[in-house]
Amino acid sequence: MSELCDFGLIGLAVMGENLALNVESRGYRVAVYNRTTDKVDALMQGRAKGKKFVGCHSIPQLVASLARPRKVMMLVKAGPAVDELMEQLIPLLEPGDVIIDGGNEHYTNTERRTKYVESKGLLYVGTGVSGGEEGALKGPSMMPGGSAADRKSTRLNSSHIPLSRMP
């Protein structure tokens, strides 16, 4: 891989695919992964063709394709799937890397996950994404949660989260 990506996104359902396209449209190089790799291939051969995307068929491949500090956003179903995915991601990341949960989780899960991820030297931001398919593509409403330090690092340093309209 000749050039590392600025941002990684896991989960290519309607919101994930459109959010990835939104981020790329702002000049960022985006790595994408979906556990059903046919979705990755379809995106790469369709809407992402000729754009600054890297399609990945594994989580280690996605992480390896990212510039440091790595920014990985998960847009998967809220609940146990998030915890399972985090357990796969954490061993591959390094202190200062950021995990962003784009699901609309209950705040107690965000608080629990923030403490856990921070204990590993990583940053965690629970960021609910609203606006549907069109919002994800053109400008979603994003509601970050997590520790003040994590939110501050993502808000003030555009290299941490390359998303417009991040409060």
Foldseek 3Di string as FASTA:
>chain_A
DPAAWLAEEEDCDLLRVQLQLQLQVVPTQYEYEYQPLVSLVCCCVPVCPPTRYHYDNDPLVRLVRHDPPYHYEYADEPDPVVVVVVVVVLVNHDAAHEYEYQDPYDVVVQAVVLVVSVVSNYGYKYWHWDDGNVCSNHPTDIDIDHDPVNLCCVVPPCSRPVHPPSD
